[in-house]
Amino acid sequence: MIGYSLYGRGDTQAIVLHGWFGDWTVFEPMLPSIDEERLTLAFVDYRGYGKSKAIDGPFDMATIASDAVALADHLGWERFHLIGHSMGGKAALRVAVDHPNRVDRIIAVTPVWAGKVPFDEATAAVFKGAIDEPALREAILRDTTGGRLPQAWSRHLAAHSLSTSTRRAFGSYLESWTGEDFAAEATGLPHPTLVVVGAHDRGVTVDATKATWLASLPNATLQVVGEAGHYPMLETPPQMAALFESFLTGQSA
């Protein structure tokens, strides 16, 4: 069984998928603001990350999706919601494509779309270099949060990403979330979907999200978090907890 952390005991149940940098603990600052009587959240650690660091691959979107569904089976959840951050948003779409009748609602936080990421040559080189260079991980973190947070914050998160994941997993997931293209399969998915974008995110922008997620999913809505960049669960945790609860419990459209 894939490594995971369970929080809450409510009837509203969701599988939570983290991004490329870091393990499930990127969501940990939100926990004090989440009503554990209403929600039950199963935070996954992907193969090669966190509690699953010793588990071998494949390290790709399809395996994340199959592991997430296996976890739902283990927990006895026939139907469930999905929350995915960054590359976890792309993985959530993979779950919904492969198992559409088991997914209720989707929350995609600063998410990667199902298509191939349109990196230019220079940007692709920076991301590939980040596999081995902590300074490039810091640079990506600073850029995707608008260059407005303390340097120590980017340095700490970059160091954590190095310690919580294996090099092989980190590099292979990069190839998967940037290179895979299942946009044709994801287009038209009917699930109510909340797409959350940080106003200061230079990577996943509002315009790019409108051109992909909002244009392709008939029941997708957009929420812009004004005081956040690519990591709203770290930058504005109480606000994100409120969004999670209201959308998953059906209090918002």
C-alpha atoms as a PDB file:
ATOM      1  CA  MET A   1       0.000   0.000   0.000  1.00  0.00           C
ATOM      2  CA  ILE A   2       1.185   3.471  -0.879  1.00  0.00           C
ATOM      3  CA  GLY A   3       2.150   5.663   2.072  1.00  0.00           C
ATOM      4  CA  TYR A   4      -0.516   8.083   3.253  1.00  0.00           C
ATOM      5  CA  SER A   5      -1.653  10.250   6.157  1.00  0.00           C
ATOM      6  CA  LEU A   6      -5.291  10.383   7.225  1.00  0.00           C
ATOM      7  CA  TYR A   7      -6.881  13.452   8.795  1.00  0.00           C
ATOM      8  CA  GLY A   8     -10.438  13.892  10.027  1.00  0.00           C
ATOM      9  CA  ARG A   9     -13.423  11.592  10.447  1.00  0.00           C
ATOM     10  CA  GLY A  10     -16.173  13.313   8.502  1.00  0.00           C
ATOM     11  CA  ASP A  11     -18.484  11.904   5.853  1.00  0.00           C
ATOM     12  CA  THR A  12     -16.963  14.046   3.082  1.00  0.00           C
ATOM     13  CA  GLN A  13     -13.953  12.065   1.878  1.00  0.00           C
ATOM     14  CA  ALA A  14     -11.156  13.152  -0.440  1.00  0.00           C
ATOM     15  CA  ILE A  15      -7.860  11.824  -1.774  1.00  0.00           C
ATOM     16  CA  VAL A  16      -5.208  14.579  -1.729  1.00  0.00           C
ATOM     17  CA  LEU A  17      -2.346  14.589  -4.255  1.00  0.00           C
ATOM     18  CA  HIS A  18       0.725  16.768  -3.724  1.00  0.00           C
ATOM     19  CA  GLY A  19       2.955  18.513  -6.265  1.00  0.00           C
ATOM     20  CA  TRP A  20       6.477  18.016  -7.610  1.00  0.00           C
ATOM     21  CA  PHE A  21       8.207  19.808  -4.732  1.00  0.00           C
ATOM     22  CA  GLY A  22       7.670  18.069  -1.417  1.00  0.00           C
ATOM     23  CA  ASP A  23       5.453  15.385   0.023  1.00  0.00           C
ATOM     24  CA  TRP A  24       2.017  15.506   1.656  1.00  0.00           C
ATOM     25  CA  THR A  25       3.259  17.909   4.352  1.00  0.00           C
ATOM     26  CA  VAL A  26       2.849  20.848   1.963  1.00  0.00           C
ATOM     27  CA  PHE A  27      -0.793  20.731   3.124  1.00  0.00           C
ATOM     28  CA  GLU A  28       0.006  20.441   6.827  1.00  0.00           C
ATOM     29  CA  PRO A  29      -0.349  24.185   7.659  1.00  0.00           C
ATOM     30  CA  MET A  30      -4.016  23.916   6.635  1.00  0.00           C
ATOM     31  CA  LEU A  31      -4.935  21.207   9.133  1.00  0.00           C
ATOM     32  CA  PRO A  32      -5.793  23.446  12.125  1.00  0.00           C
ATOM     33  CA  SER A  33      -8.359  25.219   9.925  1.00  0.00           C
ATOM     34  CA  ILE A  34     -10.044  22.054   8.586  1.00  0.00           C
ATOM     35  CA  ASP A  35     -13.185  20.789  10.329  1.00  0.00           C
ATOM     36  CA  GLU A  36     -12.250  17.195  11.106  1.00  0.00           C
ATOM     37  CA  GLU A  37     -15.862  16.407  11.984  1.00  0.00           C
ATOM     38  CA  ARG A  38     -16.953  17.165   8.405  1.00  0.00           C
ATOM     39  CA  LEU A  39     -14.008  16.075   6.244  1.00  0.00           C
ATOM     40  CA  THR A  40     -11.789  13.026   5.973  1.00  0.00           C
ATOM     41  CA  LEU A  41      -8.677  13.697   3.912  1.00  0.00           C
ATOM     42  CA  ALA A  42      -6.275  10.978   2.775  1.00  0.00           C
ATOM     43  CA  PHE A  43      -2.965  12.648   1.889  1.00  0.00           C
ATOM     44  CA  VAL A  44      -0.928  10.480  -0.485  1.00  0.00           C
ATOM     45  CA  ASP A  45       2.863  10.293  -0.616  1.00  0.00           C
ATOM     46  CA  TYR A  46       3.798   9.254  -4.162  1.00  0.00           C
ATOM     47  CA  ARG A  47       6.245   6.490  -4.888  1.00  0.00           C
ATOM     48  CA  GLY A  48       9.709   7.875  -4.238  1.00  0.00           C
ATOM     49  CA  TYR A  49       8.393  10.557  -1.830  1.00  0.00           C
ATOM     50  CA  GLY A  50       7.864  10.818   1.930  1.00  0.00           C
ATOM     51  CA  LYS A  51       6.337   7.695   3.479  1.00  0.00           C
ATOM     52  CA  SER A  52       6.598   6.003   0.065  1.00  0.00           C
ATOM     53  CA  LYS A  53      10.221   6.996  -0.578  1.00  0.00           C
ATOM     54  CA  ALA A  54      11.400   3.369  -0.580  1.00  0.00           C
ATOM     55  CA  ILE A  55       8.689   2.210  -3.015  1.00  0.00           C
ATOM     56  CA  ASP A  56       9.924   1.765  -6.589  1.00  0.00           C
ATOM     57  CA  GLY A  57       8.210   3.203  -9.640  1.00  0.00           C
ATOM     58  CA  PRO A  58       6.941   3.650 -12.256  1.00  0.00           C
ATOM     59  CA  PHE A  59       6.993   7.346 -11.406  1.00  0.00           C
ATOM     60  CA  ASP A  60       4.266   8.735 -13.651  1.00  0.00           C
ATOM     61  CA  MET A  61       0.711  10.054 -13.709  1.00  0.00           C
ATOM     62  CA  ALA A  62      -0.870   6.673 -14.418  1.00  0.00           C
ATOM     63  CA  THR A  63       0.824   5.104 -11.398  1.00  0.00           C
ATOM     64  CA  ILE A  64      -0.166   7.984  -9.108  1.00  0.00           C
ATOM     65  CA  ALA A  65      -3.736   7.502 -10.299  1.00  0.00           C
ATOM     66  CA  SER A  66      -3.765   3.746  -9.797  1.00  0.00           C
ATOM     67  CA  ASP A  67      -2.182   4.087  -6.351  1.00  0.00           C
ATOM     68  CA  ALA A  68      -4.806   6.681  -5.377  1.00  0.00           C
ATOM     69  CA  VAL A  69      -7.652   4.375  -6.381  1.00  0.00           C
ATOM     70  CA  ALA A  70      -5.999   1.463  -4.568  1.00  0.00           C
ATOM     71  CA  LEU A  71      -5.871   3.647  -1.464  1.00  0.00           C
ATOM     72  CA  ALA A  72      -9.569   4.465  -1.828  1.00  0.00           C
ATOM     73  CA  ASP A  73     -10.268   0.725  -2.047  1.00  0.00           C
ATOM     74  CA  HIS A  74      -8.164   0.142   1.067  1.00  0.00           C
ATOM     75  CA  LEU A  75     -10.157   2.799   2.938  1.00  0.00           C
ATOM     76  CA  GLY A  76     -13.462   1.391   1.713  1.00  0.00           C
ATOM     77  CA  TRP A  77     -14.355   4.503  -0.288  1.00  0.00           C
ATOM     78  CA  GLU A  78     -16.457   3.603  -3.326  1.00  0.00           C
ATOM     79  CA  ARG A  79     -16.743   7.286  -4.298  1.00  0.00           C
ATOM     80  CA  PHE A  80     -14.489  10.142  -3.293  1.00  0.00           C
ATOM     81  CA  HIS A  81     -13.425  13.681  -4.059  1.00  0.00           C
ATOM     82  CA  LEU A  82      -9.998  14.601  -5.410  1.00  0.00           C
ATOM     83  CA  ILE A  83      -7.677  17.440  -4.445  1.00  0.00           C
ATOM     84  CA  GLY A  84      -4.506  17.904  -6.498  1.00  0.00           C
ATOM     85  CA  HIS A  85      -1.779  20.525  -6.317  1.00  0.00           C
ATOM     86  CA  SER A  86       0.356  21.416  -9.358  1.00  0.00           C
ATOM     87  CA  MET A  87       1.365  18.099 -10.978  1.00  0.00           C
ATOM     88  CA  GLY A  88      -1.142  16.534  -8.574  1.00  0.00           C
ATOM     89  CA  GLY A  89      -3.832  18.377 -10.520  1.00  0.00           C
ATOM     90  CA  LYS A  90      -2.779  16.542 -13.656  1.00  0.00           C
ATOM     91  CA  ALA A  91      -2.748  13.269 -11.711  1.00  0.00           C
ATOM     92  CA  ALA A  92      -6.271  14.009 -10.431  1.00  0.00           C
ATOM     93  CA  LEU A  93      -7.451  14.338 -14.023  1.00  0.00           C
ATOM     94  CA  ARG A  94      -5.835  10.986 -14.771  1.00  0.00           C
ATOM     95  CA  VAL A  95      -7.869   9.435 -11.943  1.00  0.00           C
ATOM     96  CA  ALA A  96     -11.063  11.015 -13.283  1.00  0.00           C
ATOM     97  CA  VAL A  97     -10.342   9.826 -16.836  1.00  0.00           C
ATOM     98  CA  ASP A  98      -9.590   6.265 -15.716  1.00  0.00           C
ATOM     99  CA  HIS A  99     -12.344   5.991 -13.068  1.00  0.00           C
ATOM    100  CA  PRO A 100     -14.979   8.637 -13.896  1.00  0.00           C
ATOM    101  CA  ASN A 101     -17.780   6.974 -11.941  1.00  0.00           C
ATOM    102  CA  ARG A 102     -15.830   6.923  -8.687  1.00  0.00           C
ATOM    103  CA  VAL A 103     -14.954  10.620  -8.583  1.00  0.00           C
ATOM    104  CA  ASP A 104     -17.397  13.227  -7.255  1.00  0.00           C
ATOM    105  CA  ARG A 105     -15.746  16.665  -7.148  1.00  0.00           C
ATOM    106  CA  ILE A 106     -12.252  17.875  -8.016  1.00  0.00           C
ATOM    107  CA  ILE A 107     -10.249  20.716  -6.511  1.00  0.00           C
ATOM    108  CA  ALA A 108      -7.237  21.603  -8.649  1.00  0.00           C
ATOM    109  CA  VAL A 109      -4.787  23.959  -6.912  1.00  0.00           C
ATOM    110  CA  THR A 110      -2.423  25.889  -9.234  1.00  0.00           C
ATOM    111  CA  PRO A 111      -2.704  22.828 -11.445  1.00  0.00           C
ATOM    112  CA  VAL A 112      -0.881  21.436 -14.454  1.00  0.00           C
ATOM    113  CA  TRP A 113      -3.291  20.682 -17.312  1.00  0.00           C
ATOM    114  CA  ALA A 114      -3.632  17.260 -18.960  1.00  0.00           C
ATOM    115  CA  GLY A 115      -1.739  18.313 -22.068  1.00  0.00           C
ATOM    116  CA  LYS A 116       1.968  18.633 -22.675  1.00  0.00           C
ATOM    117  CA  VAL A 117       3.468  21.612 -20.828  1.00  0.00           C
ATOM    118  CA  PRO A 118       4.536  24.245 -23.391  1.00  0.00           C
ATOM    119  CA  PHE A 119       7.956  25.003 -21.905  1.00  0.00           C
ATOM    120  CA  ASP A 120      10.380  26.927 -24.052  1.00  0.00           C
ATOM    121  CA  GLU A 121      13.916  25.562 -24.301  1.00  0.00           C
ATOM    122  CA  ALA A 122      15.363  27.768 -21.567  1.00  0.00           C
ATOM    123  CA  THR A 123      12.602  27.013 -19.069  1.00  0.00           C
ATOM    124  CA  ALA A 124      12.816  23.286 -19.756  1.00  0.00           C
ATOM    125  CA  ALA A 125      16.564  23.446 -19.058  1.00  0.00           C
ATOM    126  CA  VAL A 126      15.977  25.142 -15.689  1.00  0.00           C
ATOM    127  CA  PHE A 127      13.476  22.521 -14.590  1.00  0.00           C
ATOM    128  CA  LYS A 128      15.687  19.674 -15.746  1.00  0.00           C
ATOM    129  CA  GLY A 129      18.677  21.244 -13.999  1.00  0.00           C
ATOM    130  CA  ALA A 130      16.666  21.428 -10.768  1.00  0.00           C
ATOM    131  CA  ILE A 131      16.882  17.651 -10.483  1.00  0.00           C
ATOM    132  CA  ASP A 132      20.477  18.056  -9.278  1.00  0.00           C
ATOM    133  CA  GLU A 133      20.857  21.745  -8.414  1.00  0.00           C
ATOM    134  CA  PRO A 134      19.256  23.057  -5.182  1.00  0.00           C
ATOM    135  CA  ALA A 135      19.820  26.638  -6.347  1.00  0.00           C
ATOM    136  CA  LEU A 136      17.604  26.025  -9.373  1.00  0.00           C
ATOM    137  CA  ARG A 137      14.898  24.562  -7.143  1.00  0.00           C
ATOM    138  CA  GLU A 138      15.065  27.759  -5.091  1.00  0.00           C
ATOM    139  CA  ALA A 139      14.851  29.855  -8.256  1.00  0.00           C
ATOM    140  CA  ILE A 140      11.731  28.011  -9.433  1.00  0.00           C
ATOM    141  CA  LEU A 141      10.100  28.458  -6.045  1.00  0.00           C
ATOM    142  CA  ARG A 142      10.883  32.190  -5.992  1.00  0.00           C
ATOM    143  CA  ASP A 143       9.618  32.705  -9.529  1.00  0.00           C
ATOM    144  CA  THR A 144       6.367  30.782  -9.120  1.00  0.00           C
ATOM    145  CA  THR A 145       5.509  32.759  -5.975  1.00  0.00           C
ATOM    146  CA  GLY A 146       6.189  36.120  -7.618  1.00  0.00           C
ATOM    147  CA  GLY A 147       9.553  36.790  -5.998  1.00  0.00           C
ATOM    148  CA  ARG A 148       7.787  38.274  -2.978  1.00  0.00           C
ATOM    149  CA  LEU A 149       8.537  35.778  -0.193  1.00  0.00           C
ATOM    150  CA  PRO A 150      11.661  35.611   2.009  1.00  0.00           C
ATOM    151  CA  GLN A 151      14.614  33.825   0.432  1.00  0.00           C
ATOM    152  CA  ALA A 152      14.766  31.583   3.500  1.00  0.00           C
ATOM    153  CA  TRP A 153      11.309  30.247   2.611  1.00  0.00           C
ATOM    154  CA  SER A 154      12.411  29.142  -0.870  1.00  0.00           C
ATOM    155  CA  ARG A 155      15.646  27.729   0.524  1.00  0.00           C
ATOM    156  CA  HIS A 156      13.807  25.695   3.163  1.00  0.00           C
ATOM    157  CA  LEU A 157      11.259  24.275   0.719  1.00  0.00           C
ATOM    158  CA  ALA A 158      13.992  23.397  -1.795  1.00  0.00           C
ATOM    159  CA  ALA A 159      15.944  21.579   0.926  1.00  0.00           C
ATOM    160  CA  HIS A 160      12.822  19.726   1.993  1.00  0.00           C
ATOM    161  CA  SER A 161      12.157  18.613  -1.575  1.00  0.00           C
ATOM    162  CA  LEU A 162      15.674  17.187  -1.739  1.00  0.00           C
ATOM    163  CA  SER A 163      15.288  15.281   1.518  1.00  0.00           C
ATOM    164  CA  THR A 164      11.795  13.909   0.942  1.00  0.00           C
ATOM    165  CA  SER A 165      12.189  12.528  -2.601  1.00  0.00           C
ATOM    166  CA  THR A 166      14.642  10.367  -4.509  1.00  0.00           C
ATOM    167  CA  ARG A 167      16.506  11.809  -7.476  1.00  0.00           C
ATOM    168  CA  ARG A 168      15.125   9.131  -9.787  1.00  0.00           C
ATOM    169  CA  ALA A 169      11.520   9.780  -8.756  1.00  0.00           C
ATOM    170  CA  PHE A 170      11.916  13.561  -8.980  1.00  0.00           C
ATOM    171  CA  GLY A 171      13.386  13.352 -12.479  1.00  0.00           C
ATOM    172  CA  SER A 172      10.909  10.794 -13.762  1.00  0.00           C
ATOM    173  CA  TYR A 173       7.880  12.691 -12.496  1.00  0.00           C
ATOM    174  CA  LEU A 174       9.200  15.782 -14.279  1.00  0.00           C
ATOM    175  CA  GLU A 175       9.180  13.903 -17.581  1.00  0.00           C
ATOM    176  CA  SER A 176       5.676  12.636 -16.854  1.00  0.00           C
ATOM    177  CA  TRP A 177       3.942  15.857 -15.814  1.00  0.00           C
ATOM    178  CA  THR A 178       5.585  17.949 -18.531  1.00  0.00           C
ATOM    179  CA  GLY A 179       5.566  15.437 -21.381  1.00  0.00           C
ATOM    180  CA  GLU A 180       2.410  13.370 -21.147  1.00  0.00           C
ATOM    181  CA  ASP A 181      -0.615  14.458 -23.156  1.00  0.00           C
ATOM    182  CA  PHE A 182      -4.073  13.069 -22.424  1.00  0.00           C
ATOM    183  CA  ALA A 183      -5.931  16.348 -22.948  1.00  0.00           C
ATOM    184  CA  ALA A 184      -8.280  14.781 -25.492  1.00  0.00           C
ATOM    185  CA  GLU A 185      -9.371  12.224 -22.877  1.00  0.00           C
ATOM    186  CA  ALA A 186      -9.781  14.827 -20.128  1.00  0.00           C
ATOM    187  CA  THR A 187     -11.731  17.328 -22.221  1.00  0.00           C
ATOM    188  CA  GLY A 188     -15.406  17.193 -21.368  1.00  0.00           C
ATOM    189  CA  LEU A 189     -15.078  15.524 -17.965  1.00  0.00           C
ATOM    190  CA  PRO A 190     -18.351  16.459 -16.240  1.00  0.00           C
ATOM    191  CA  HIS A 191     -17.216  16.530 -12.618  1.00  0.00           C
ATOM    192  CA  PRO A 192     -17.740  19.801 -10.714  1.00  0.00           C
ATOM    193  CA  THR A 193     -14.225  21.234 -10.569  1.00  0.00           C
ATOM    194  CA  LEU A 194     -12.836  24.150  -8.607  1.00  0.00           C
ATOM    195  CA  VAL A 195      -9.603  25.494 -10.100  1.00  0.00           C
ATOM    196  CA  VAL A 196      -7.598  27.621  -7.655  1.00  0.00           C
ATOM    197  CA  VAL A 197      -4.916  29.956  -8.994  1.00  0.00           C
ATOM    198  CA  GLY A 198      -2.624  32.257  -7.048  1.00  0.00           C
ATOM    199  CA  ALA A 199      -2.528  35.823  -8.352  1.00  0.00           C
ATOM    200  CA  HIS A 200       1.271  35.907  -7.973  1.00  0.00           C
ATOM    201  CA  ASP A 201       1.929  32.572  -9.726  1.00  0.00           C
ATOM    202  CA  ARG A 202       4.131  33.182 -12.773  1.00  0.00           C
ATOM    203  CA  GLY A 203       3.944  29.546 -13.823  1.00  0.00           C
ATOM    204  CA  VAL A 204       0.267  28.596 -13.703  1.00  0.00           C
ATOM    205  CA  THR A 205      -1.345  31.885 -14.691  1.00  0.00           C
ATOM    206  CA  VAL A 206      -4.987  32.889 -14.813  1.00  0.00           C
ATOM    207  CA  ASP A 207      -4.886  33.215 -18.606  1.00  0.00           C
ATOM    208  CA  ALA A 208      -3.289  29.797 -19.092  1.00  0.00           C
ATOM    209  CA  THR A 209      -5.818  28.219 -16.745  1.00  0.00           C
ATOM    210  CA  LYS A 210      -8.740  29.788 -18.577  1.00  0.00           C
ATOM    211  CA  ALA A 211      -7.375  28.510 -21.902  1.00  0.00           C
ATOM    212  CA  THR A 212      -7.070  24.924 -20.635  1.00  0.00           C
ATOM    213  CA  TRP A 213      -9.060  23.922 -17.559  1.00  0.00           C
ATOM    214  CA  LEU A 214     -11.911  26.396 -17.952  1.00  0.00           C
ATOM    215  CA  ALA A 215     -12.157  25.971 -21.719  1.00  0.00           C
ATOM    216  CA  SER A 216     -12.090  22.169 -21.573  1.00  0.00           C
ATOM    217  CA  LEU A 217     -14.190  21.241 -18.532  1.00  0.00           C
ATOM    218  CA  PRO A 218     -17.876  22.222 -18.698  1.00  0.00           C
ATOM    219  CA  ASN A 219     -18.377  22.351 -14.923  1.00  0.00           C
ATOM    220  CA  ALA A 220     -15.135  24.073 -13.928  1.00  0.00           C
ATOM    221  CA  THR A 221     -15.063  27.332 -11.985  1.00  0.00           C
ATOM    222  CA  LEU A 222     -12.074  29.548 -11.218  1.00  0.00           C
ATOM    223  CA  GLN A 223     -11.052  30.995  -7.855  1.00  0.00           C
ATOM    224  CA  VAL A 224      -8.133  33.444  -7.752  1.00  0.00           C
ATOM    225  CA  VAL A 225      -6.364  33.800  -4.399  1.00  0.00           C
ATOM    226  CA  GLY A 226      -5.047  37.343  -4.323  1.00  0.00           C
ATOM    227  CA  GLU A 227      -2.377  36.870  -1.655  1.00  0.00           C
ATOM    228  CA  ALA A 228      -0.841  33.650  -3.001  1.00  0.00           C
ATOM    229  CA  GLY A 229       1.442  32.329  -5.681  1.00  0.00           C
ATOM    230  CA  HIS A 230       1.952  28.673  -6.581  1.00  0.00           C
ATOM    231  CA  TYR A 231       1.639  27.394  -2.984  1.00  0.00           C
ATOM    232  CA  PRO A 232      -1.592  28.815  -1.520  1.00  0.00           C
ATOM    233  CA  MET A 233      -1.786  25.989   1.019  1.00  0.00           C
ATOM    234  CA  LEU A 234       1.455  27.362   2.496  1.00  0.00           C
ATOM    235  CA  GLU A 235       0.868  31.047   1.786  1.00  0.00           C
ATOM    236  CA  THR A 236      -2.805  31.348   2.818  1.00  0.00           C
ATOM    237  CA  PRO A 237      -3.708  28.121   4.673  1.00  0.00           C
ATOM    238  CA  PRO A 238      -6.939  29.190   6.452  1.00  0.00           C
ATOM    239  CA  GLN A 239      -8.371  30.584   3.227  1.00  0.00           C
ATOM    240  CA  MET A 240      -7.572  27.362   1.396  1.00  0.00           C
ATOM    241  CA  ALA A 241      -9.139  25.263   4.140  1.00  0.00           C
ATOM    242  CA  ALA A 242     -12.329  27.298   3.818  1.00  0.00           C
ATOM    243  CA  LEU A 243     -12.363  26.786   0.034  1.00  0.00           C
ATOM    244  CA  PHE A 244     -11.818  23.051   0.415  1.00  0.00           C
ATOM    245  CA  GLU A 245     -14.638  22.661   2.914  1.00  0.00           C
ATOM    246  CA  SER A 246     -17.200  24.828   1.139  1.00  0.00           C
ATOM    247  CA  PHE A 247     -16.650  23.247  -2.289  1.00  0.00           C
ATOM    248  CA  LEU A 248     -16.422  19.611  -1.195  1.00  0.00           C
ATOM    249  CA  THR A 249     -19.493  19.824   1.016  1.00  0.00           C
ATOM    250  CA  GLY A 250     -21.478  21.456  -1.772  1.00  0.00           C
ATOM    251  CA  GLN A 251     -21.857  24.851  -0.105  1.00  0.00           C
ATOM    252  CA  SER A 252     -20.440  26.521  -3.216  1.00  0.00           C
ATOM    253  CA  ALA A 253     -21.023  25.790  -6.899  1.00  0.00           C
END
